């Protein structure tokens, strides 16, 4: 019975827009991560929350990780 319910939920979720599915995936993954590997300071929690909010609101431009690393290398290693 539960397997059928899960399949039904998955089928319905796959009909949702991509950004809604991404949000749902994030919430589900966070629900599994109930143990902290290390303590996180309040300042970092505030920073993480601020950055996540900016991403969710679309007020920042995201770039691929490789592009970001290339920009950092360019700044740190003189040509």
PDB file of N, CA and C in Angstrom:
ATOM      1  N   UNK A   1       0.833  -1.199   0.000  1.00  0.00           N
ATOM      2  CA  UNK A   1       0.000   0.000   0.000  1.00  0.00           C
ATOM      3  C   UNK A   1       0.877   1.261   0.000  1.00  0.00           C
ATOM      4  N   UNK A   2       1.886   1.288   0.899  1.00  0.00           N
ATOM      5  CA  UNK A   2       2.734   2.468   0.985  1.00  0.00           C
ATOM      6  C   UNK A   2       3.512   2.677  -0.317  1.00  0.00           C
ATOM      7  N   UNK A   3       3.980   1.603  -0.934  1.00  0.00           N
ATOM      8  CA  UNK A   3       4.717   1.716  -2.192  1.00  0.00           C
ATOM      9  C   UNK A   3       3.857   2.370  -3.271  1.00  0.00           C
ATOM     10  N   UNK A   4       2.595   2.020  -3.330  1.00  0.00           N
ATOM     11  CA  UNK A   4       1.674   2.611  -4.295  1.00  0.00           C
ATOM     12  C   UNK A   4       1.471   4.094  -4.009  1.00  0.00           C
ATOM     13  N   UNK A   5       1.371   4.449  -2.723  1.00  0.00           N
ATOM     14  CA  UNK A   5       1.209   5.858  -2.355  1.00  0.00           C
ATOM     15  C   UNK A   5       2.433   6.663  -2.763  1.00  0.00           C
ATOM     16  N   UNK A   6       3.611   6.096  -2.531  1.00  0.00           N
ATOM     17  CA  UNK A   6       4.846   6.800  -2.888  1.00  0.00           C
ATOM     18  C   UNK A   6       4.929   6.983  -4.400  1.00  0.00           C
ATOM     19  N   UNK A   7       4.606   5.957  -5.154  1.00  0.00           N
ATOM     20  CA  UNK A   7       4.623   6.081  -6.617  1.00  0.00           C
ATOM     21  C   UNK A   7       3.648   7.152  -7.078  1.00  0.00           C
ATOM     22  N   UNK A   8       2.484   7.227  -6.457  1.00  0.00           N
ATOM     23  CA  UNK A   8       1.481   8.237  -6.801  1.00  0.00           C
ATOM     24  C   UNK A   8       2.007   9.634  -6.488  1.00  0.00           C
ATOM     25  N   UNK A   9       2.654   9.779  -5.331  1.00  0.00           N
ATOM     26  CA  UNK A   9       3.226  11.081  -4.955  1.00  0.00           C
ATOM     27  C   UNK A   9       4.288  11.484  -5.964  1.00  0.00           C
ATOM     28  N   UNK A  10       5.181  10.562  -6.301  1.00  0.00           N
ATOM     29  CA  UNK A  10       6.252  10.866  -7.257  1.00  0.00           C
ATOM     30  C   UNK A  10       5.677  11.274  -8.608  1.00  0.00           C
ATOM     31  N   UNK A  11       4.683  10.562  -9.080  1.00  0.00           N
ATOM     32  CA  UNK A  11       4.062  10.913 -10.368  1.00  0.00           C
ATOM     33  C   UNK A  11       3.483  12.321 -10.329  1.00  0.00           C
ATOM     34  N   UNK A  12       2.831  12.665  -9.230  1.00  0.00           N
ATOM     35  CA  UNK A  12       2.242  14.002  -9.118  1.00  0.00           C
ATOM     36  C   UNK A  12       3.305  15.082  -8.992  1.00  0.00           C
ATOM     37  N   UNK A  13       4.361  14.790  -8.248  1.00  0.00           N
ATOM     38  CA  UNK A  13       5.433  15.763  -8.073  1.00  0.00           C
ATOM     39  C   UNK A  13       6.118  16.049  -9.404  1.00  0.00           C
ATOM     40  N   UNK A  14       6.271  15.034 -10.232  1.00  0.00           N
ATOM     41  CA  UNK A  14       6.940  15.220 -11.519  1.00  0.00           C
ATOM     42  C   UNK A  14       6.149  16.137 -12.451  1.00  0.00           C
ATOM     43  N   UNK A  15       4.910  16.403 -12.140  1.00  0.00           N
ATOM     44  CA  UNK A  15       4.089  17.322 -12.933  1.00  0.00           C
ATOM     45  C   UNK A  15       4.293  18.781 -12.521  1.00  0.00           C
ATOM     46  N   UNK A  16       4.937  18.987 -11.379  1.00  0.00           N
ATOM     47  CA  UNK A  16       5.162  20.344 -10.881  1.00  0.00           C
ATOM     48  C   UNK A  16       6.257  21.034 -11.687  1.00  0.00           C
ATOM     49  N   UNK A  17       6.257  22.371 -11.684  1.00  0.00           N
ATOM     50  CA  UNK A  17       7.322  23.111 -12.363  1.00  0.00           C
ATOM     51  C   UNK A  17       8.690  22.768 -11.756  1.00  0.00           C
ATOM     52  N   UNK A  18       9.724  22.920 -12.563  1.00  0.00           N
ATOM     53  CA  UNK A  18      11.080  22.557 -12.152  1.00  0.00           C
ATOM     54  C   UNK A  18      11.501  23.246 -10.857  1.00  0.00           C
ATOM     55  N   UNK A  19      11.232  24.542 -10.716  1.00  0.00           N
ATOM     56  CA  UNK A  19      11.680  25.255  -9.519  1.00  0.00           C
ATOM     57  C   UNK A  19      10.954  24.760  -8.264  1.00  0.00           C
ATOM     58  N   UNK A  20       9.720  24.321  -8.409  1.00  0.00           N
ATOM     59  CA  UNK A  20       8.978  23.782  -7.267  1.00  0.00           C
ATOM     60  C   UNK A  20       9.551  22.418  -6.879  1.00  0.00           C
ATOM     61  N   UNK A  21       9.890  21.600  -7.874  1.00  0.00           N
ATOM     62  CA  UNK A  21      10.502  20.300  -7.592  1.00  0.00           C
ATOM     63  C   UNK A  21      11.853  20.477  -6.913  1.00  0.00           C
ATOM     64  N   UNK A  22      12.614  21.486  -7.351  1.00  0.00           N
ATOM     65  CA  UNK A  22      13.915  21.756  -6.739  1.00  0.00           C
ATOM     66  C   UNK A  22      13.738  22.157  -5.278  1.00  0.00           C
ATOM     67  N   UNK A  23      12.761  22.994  -5.009  1.00  0.00           N
ATOM     68  CA  UNK A  23      12.500  23.406  -3.628  1.00  0.00           C
ATOM     69  C   UNK A  23      12.094  22.197  -2.782  1.00  0.00           C
ATOM     70  N   UNK A  24      11.219  21.372  -3.324  1.00  0.00           N
ATOM     71  CA  UNK A  24      10.777  20.179  -2.608  1.00  0.00           C
ATOM     72  C   UNK A  24      11.959  19.246  -2.326  1.00  0.00           C
ATOM     73  N   UNK A  25      12.826  19.065  -3.304  1.00  0.00           N
ATOM     74  CA  UNK A  25      14.005  18.224  -3.118  1.00  0.00           C
ATOM     75  C   UNK A  25      14.897  18.780  -2.015  1.00  0.00           C
ATOM     76  N   UNK A  26      15.074  20.100  -2.004  1.00  0.00           N
ATOM     77  CA  UNK A  26      15.894  20.746  -0.973  1.00  0.00           C
ATOM     78  C   UNK A  26      15.301  20.503   0.412  1.00  0.00           C
ATOM     79  N   UNK A  27      14.001  20.666   0.548  1.00  0.00           N
ATOM     80  CA  UNK A  27      13.337  20.465   1.840  1.00  0.00           C
ATOM     81  C   UNK A  27      13.472  19.007   2.287  1.00  0.00           C
ATOM     82  N   UNK A  28      13.273  18.085   1.362  1.00  0.00           N
ATOM     83  CA  UNK A  28      13.386  16.662   1.707  1.00  0.00           C
ATOM     84  C   UNK A  28      14.804  16.300   2.124  1.00  0.00           C
ATOM     85  N   UNK A  29      15.801  16.793   1.397  1.00  0.00           N
ATOM     86  CA  UNK A  29      17.183  16.512   1.763  1.00  0.00           C
ATOM     87  C   UNK A  29      17.546  17.114   3.117  1.00  0.00           C
ATOM     88  N   UNK A  30      17.085  18.322   3.365  1.00  0.00           N
ATOM     89  CA  UNK A  30      17.348  18.949   4.660  1.00  0.00           C
ATOM     90  C   UNK A  30      16.725  18.150   5.791  1.00  0.00           C
ATOM     91  N   UNK A  31      15.576  17.526   5.527  1.00  0.00           N
ATOM     92  CA  UNK A  31      14.910  16.754   6.575  1.00  0.00           C
ATOM     93  C   UNK A  31      15.708  15.504   6.948  1.00  0.00           C
ATOM     94  N   UNK A  32      16.577  15.045   6.053  1.00  0.00           N
ATOM     95  CA  UNK A  32      17.403  13.873   6.335  1.00  0.00           C
ATOM     96  C   UNK A  32      18.684  14.226   7.078  1.00  0.00           C
ATOM     97  N   UNK A  33      19.091  15.459   6.984  1.00  0.00           N
ATOM     98  CA  UNK A  33      20.345  15.902   7.583  1.00  0.00           C
ATOM     99  C   UNK A  33      20.082  16.476   8.970  1.00  0.00           C
ATOM    100  N   UNK A  34      19.783  15.594   9.921  1.00  0.00           N
ATOM    101  CA  UNK A  34      19.403  16.064  11.244  1.00  0.00           C
ATOM    102  C   UNK A  34      20.571  16.142  12.203  1.00  0.00           C
ATOM    103  N   UNK A  35      21.733  15.646  11.805  1.00  0.00           N
ATOM    104  CA  UNK A  35      22.908  15.716  12.663  1.00  0.00           C
ATOM    105  C   UNK A  35      23.930  16.641  12.027  1.00  0.00           C
ATOM    106  N   UNK A  36      24.425  17.564  12.828  1.00  0.00           N
ATOM    107  CA  UNK A  36      25.476  18.447  12.334  1.00  0.00           C
ATOM    108  C   UNK A  36      26.820  17.757  12.515  1.00  0.00           C
ATOM    109  N   UNK A  37      27.647  17.814  11.480  1.00  0.00           N
ATOM    110  CA  UNK A  37      28.992  17.260  11.579  1.00  0.00           C
ATOM    111  C   UNK A  37      29.877  18.137  12.458  1.00  0.00           C
ATOM    112  N   UNK A  38      29.546  19.408  12.501  1.00  0.00           N
ATOM    113  CA  UNK A  38      30.311  20.359  13.298  1.00  0.00           C
ATOM    114  C   UNK A  38      29.388  21.532  13.625  1.00  0.00           C
ATOM    115  N   UNK A  39      29.652  22.215  14.722  1.00  0.00           N
ATOM    116  CA  UNK A  39      28.788  23.346  15.079  1.00  0.00           C
ATOM    117  C   UNK A  39      28.956  24.510  14.094  1.00  0.00           C
ATOM    118  N   UNK A  40      27.855  25.172  13.795  1.00  0.00           N
ATOM    119  CA  UNK A  40      27.869  26.320  12.898  1.00  0.00           C
ATOM    120  C   UNK A  40      27.496  27.551  13.706  1.00  0.00           C
ATOM    121  N   UNK A  41      28.336  28.573  13.637  1.00  0.00           N
ATOM    122  CA  UNK A  41      28.101  29.802  14.380  1.00  0.00           C
ATOM    123  C   UNK A  41      26.896  30.566  13.849  1.00  0.00           C
ATOM    124  N   UNK A  42      26.314  31.374  14.706  1.00  0.00           N
ATOM    125  CA  UNK A  42      25.131  32.164  14.330  1.00  0.00           C
ATOM    126  C   UNK A  42      25.421  33.086  13.145  1.00  0.00           C
ATOM    127  N   UNK A  43      26.635  33.659  13.091  1.00  0.00           N
ATOM    128  CA  UNK A  43      26.984  34.545  11.976  1.00  0.00           C
ATOM    129  C   UNK A  43      26.921  33.797  10.647  1.00  0.00           C
ATOM    130  N   UNK A  44      27.430  32.549  10.635  1.00  0.00           N
ATOM    131  CA  UNK A  44      27.400  31.764   9.409  1.00  0.00           C
ATOM    132  C   UNK A  44      25.978  31.352   9.057  1.00  0.00           C
ATOM    133  N   UNK A  45      25.181  31.019  10.047  1.00  0.00           N
ATOM    134  CA  UNK A  45      23.780  30.667   9.793  1.00  0.00           C
ATOM    135  C   UNK A  45      23.055  31.855   9.173  1.00  0.00           C
ATOM    136  N   UNK A  46      23.305  33.060   9.708  1.00  0.00           N
ATOM    137  CA  UNK A  46      22.696  34.271   9.148  1.00  0.00           C
ATOM    138  C   UNK A  46      23.144  34.492   7.699  1.00  0.00           C
ATOM    139  N   UNK A  47      24.443  34.288   7.439  1.00  0.00           N
ATOM    140  CA  UNK A  47      24.979  34.466   6.081  1.00  0.00           C
ATOM    141  C   UNK A  47      24.378  33.452   5.110  1.00  0.00           C
ATOM    142  N   UNK A  48      24.294  32.206   5.533  1.00  0.00           N
ATOM    143  CA  UNK A  48      23.715  31.156   4.690  1.00  0.00           C
ATOM    144  C   UNK A  48      22.252  31.472   4.395  1.00  0.00           C
ATOM    145  N   UNK A  49      21.522  31.882   5.423  1.00  0.00           N
ATOM    146  CA  UNK A  49      20.102  32.219   5.261  1.00  0.00           C
ATOM    147  C   UNK A  49      19.930  33.381   4.290  1.00  0.00           C
ATOM    148  N   UNK A  50      20.779  34.402   4.430  1.00  0.00           N
ATOM    149  CA  UNK A  50      20.708  35.570   3.543  1.00  0.00           C
ATOM    150  C   UNK A  50      20.968  35.156   2.092  1.00  0.00           C
ATOM    151  N   UNK A  51      22.017  34.356   1.883  1.00  0.00           N
ATOM    152  CA  UNK A  51      22.358  33.945   0.518  1.00  0.00           C
ATOM    153  C   UNK A  51      21.270  33.068  -0.091  1.00  0.00           C
ATOM    154  N   UNK A  52      20.719  32.156   0.690  1.00  0.00           N
ATOM    155  CA  UNK A  52      19.630  31.308   0.181  1.00  0.00           C
ATOM    156  C   UNK A  52      18.416  32.150  -0.189  1.00  0.00           C
ATOM    157  N   UNK A  53      18.108  33.153   0.645  1.00  0.00           N
ATOM    158  CA  UNK A  53      16.974  34.033   0.361  1.00  0.00           C
ATOM    159  C   UNK A  53      17.213  34.797  -0.935  1.00  0.00           C
ATOM    160  N   UNK A  54      18.441  35.305  -1.138  1.00  0.00           N
ATOM    161  CA  UNK A  54      18.760  36.032  -2.364  1.00  0.00           C
ATOM    162  C   UNK A  54      18.602  35.135  -3.593  1.00  0.00           C
ATOM    163  N   UNK A  55      19.009  33.886  -3.477  1.00  0.00           N
ATOM    164  CA  UNK A  55      18.859  32.946  -4.589  1.00  0.00           C
ATOM    165  C   UNK A  55      17.381  32.694  -4.852  1.00  0.00           C
ATOM    166  N   UNK A  56      16.621  32.410  -3.787  1.00  0.00           N
ATOM    167  CA  UNK A  56      15.191  32.128  -3.932  1.00  0.00           C
ATOM    168  C   UNK A  56      14.435  33.310  -4.525  1.00  0.00           C
ATOM    169  N   UNK A  57      14.842  34.533  -4.159  1.00  0.00           N
ATOM    170  CA  UNK A  57      14.170  35.736  -4.651  1.00  0.00           C
ATOM    171  C   UNK A  57      14.665  36.148  -6.033  1.00  0.00           C
ATOM    172  N   UNK A  58      15.752  35.530  -6.491  1.00  0.00           N
ATOM    173  CA  UNK A  58      16.291  35.866  -7.811  1.00  0.00           C
ATOM    174  C   UNK A  58      16.996  37.203  -7.860  1.00  0.00           C
ATOM    175  N   UNK A  59      17.496  37.681  -6.717  1.00  0.00           N
ATOM    176  CA  UNK A  59      18.155  38.985  -6.677  1.00  0.00           C
ATOM    177  C   UNK A  59      19.660  38.903  -6.911  1.00  0.00           C
ATOM    178  N   UNK A  60      20.181  37.691  -7.116  1.00  0.00           N
ATOM    179  CA  UNK A  60      21.600  37.517  -7.428  1.00  0.00           C
ATOM    180  C   UNK A  60      21.719  36.687  -8.702  1.00  0.00           C
ATOM    181  N   UNK A  61      22.800  36.919  -9.412  1.00  0.00           N
ATOM    182  CA  UNK A  61      23.079  36.136 -10.614  1.00  0.00           C
ATOM    183  C   UNK A  61      24.005  34.990 -10.235  1.00  0.00           C
ATOM    184  N   UNK A  62      23.590  33.772 -10.533  1.00  0.00           N
ATOM    185  CA  UNK A  62      24.408  32.605 -10.253  1.00  0.00           C
ATOM    186  C   UNK A  62      25.261  32.278 -11.473  1.00  0.00           C
ATOM    187  N   UNK A  63      26.456  31.764 -11.211  1.00  0.00           N
ATOM    188  CA  UNK A  63      27.334  31.330 -12.295  1.00  0.00           C
ATOM    189  C   UNK A  63      27.746  29.886 -12.013  1.00  0.00           C
ATOM    190  N   UNK A  64      28.075  29.141 -13.052  1.00  0.00           N
ATOM    191  CA  UNK A  64      28.527  27.757 -12.836  1.00  0.00           C
ATOM    192  C   UNK A  64      29.788  27.727 -11.971  1.00  0.00           C
ATOM    193  N   UNK A  65      29.947  26.670 -11.201  1.00  0.00           N
ATOM    194  CA  UNK A  65      31.081  26.537 -10.288  1.00  0.00           C
ATOM    195  C   UNK A  65      32.421  26.662 -10.993  1.00  0.00           C
ATOM    196  N   UNK A  66      32.564  26.024 -12.146  1.00  0.00           N
ATOM    197  CA  UNK A  66      33.837  26.082 -12.869  1.00  0.00           C
ATOM    198  C   UNK A  66      34.174  27.514 -13.281  1.00  0.00           C
ATOM    199  N   UNK A  67      33.141  28.270 -13.652  1.00  0.00           N
ATOM    200  CA  UNK A  67      33.383  29.665 -14.035  1.00  0.00           C
ATOM    201  C   UNK A  67      33.830  30.482 -12.821  1.00  0.00           C
ATOM    202  N   UNK A  68      33.199  30.242 -11.682  1.00  0.00           N
ATOM    203  CA  UNK A  68      33.592  30.934 -10.452  1.00  0.00           C
ATOM    204  C   UNK A  68      35.018  30.610 -10.050  1.00  0.00           C
ATOM    205  N   UNK A  69      35.386  29.336 -10.135  1.00  0.00           N
ATOM    206  CA  UNK A  69      36.756  28.932  -9.810  1.00  0.00           C
ATOM    207  C   UNK A  69      37.753  29.570 -10.767  1.00  0.00           C
ATOM    208  N   UNK A  70      37.399  29.637 -12.051  1.00  0.00           N
ATOM    209  CA  UNK A  70      38.286  30.256 -13.035  1.00  0.00           C
ATOM    210  C   UNK A  70      38.488  31.736 -12.706  1.00  0.00           C
ATOM    211  N   UNK A  71      37.427  32.411 -12.293  1.00  0.00           N
ATOM    212  CA  UNK A  71      37.541  33.823 -11.920  1.00  0.00           C
ATOM    213  C   UNK A  71      38.451  33.990 -10.698  1.00  0.00           C
ATOM    214  N   UNK A  72      38.306  33.098  -9.718  1.00  0.00           N
ATOM    215  CA  UNK A  72      39.166  33.158  -8.531  1.00  0.00           C
ATOM    216  C   UNK A  72      40.621  32.907  -8.889  1.00  0.00           C
ATOM    217  N   UNK A  73      40.873  31.908  -9.716  1.00  0.00           N
ATOM    218  CA  UNK A  73      42.243  31.606 -10.128  1.00  0.00           C
ATOM    219  C   UNK A  73      42.863  32.825 -10.831  1.00  0.00           C
ATOM    220  N   UNK A  74      42.077  33.463 -11.669  1.00  0.00           N
ATOM    221  CA  UNK A  74      42.556  34.619 -12.416  1.00  0.00           C
ATOM    222  C   UNK A  74      42.944  35.750 -11.451  1.00  0.00           C
ATOM    223  N   UNK A  75      42.171  35.919 -10.383  1.00  0.00           N
ATOM    224  CA  UNK A  75      42.450  36.974  -9.408  1.00  0.00           C
ATOM    225  C   UNK A  75      43.662  36.622  -8.535  1.00  0.00           C
ATOM    226  N   UNK A  76      43.833  35.337  -8.239  1.00  0.00           N
ATOM    227  CA  UNK A  76      44.869  34.928  -7.299  1.00  0.00           C
ATOM    228  C   UNK A  76      46.210  34.620  -7.955  1.00  0.00           C
ATOM    229  N   UNK A  77      46.181  34.216  -9.213  1.00  0.00           N
ATOM    230  CA  UNK A  77      47.414  33.839  -9.909  1.00  0.00           C
ATOM    231  C   UNK A  77      47.661  34.842 -11.011  1.00  0.00           C
ATOM    232  N   UNK A  78      48.670  35.693 -10.831  1.00  0.00           N
ATOM    233  CA  UNK A  78      48.957  36.674 -11.884  1.00  0.00           C
ATOM    234  C   UNK A  78      49.440  35.980 -13.157  1.00  0.00           C
ATOM    235  N   UNK A  79      49.042  36.573 -14.269  1.00  0.00           N
ATOM    236  CA  UNK A  79      49.409  36.009 -15.568  1.00  0.00           C
ATOM    237  C   UNK A  79      50.769  36.497 -15.990  1.00  0.00           C
TER     238      UNK A  79
END
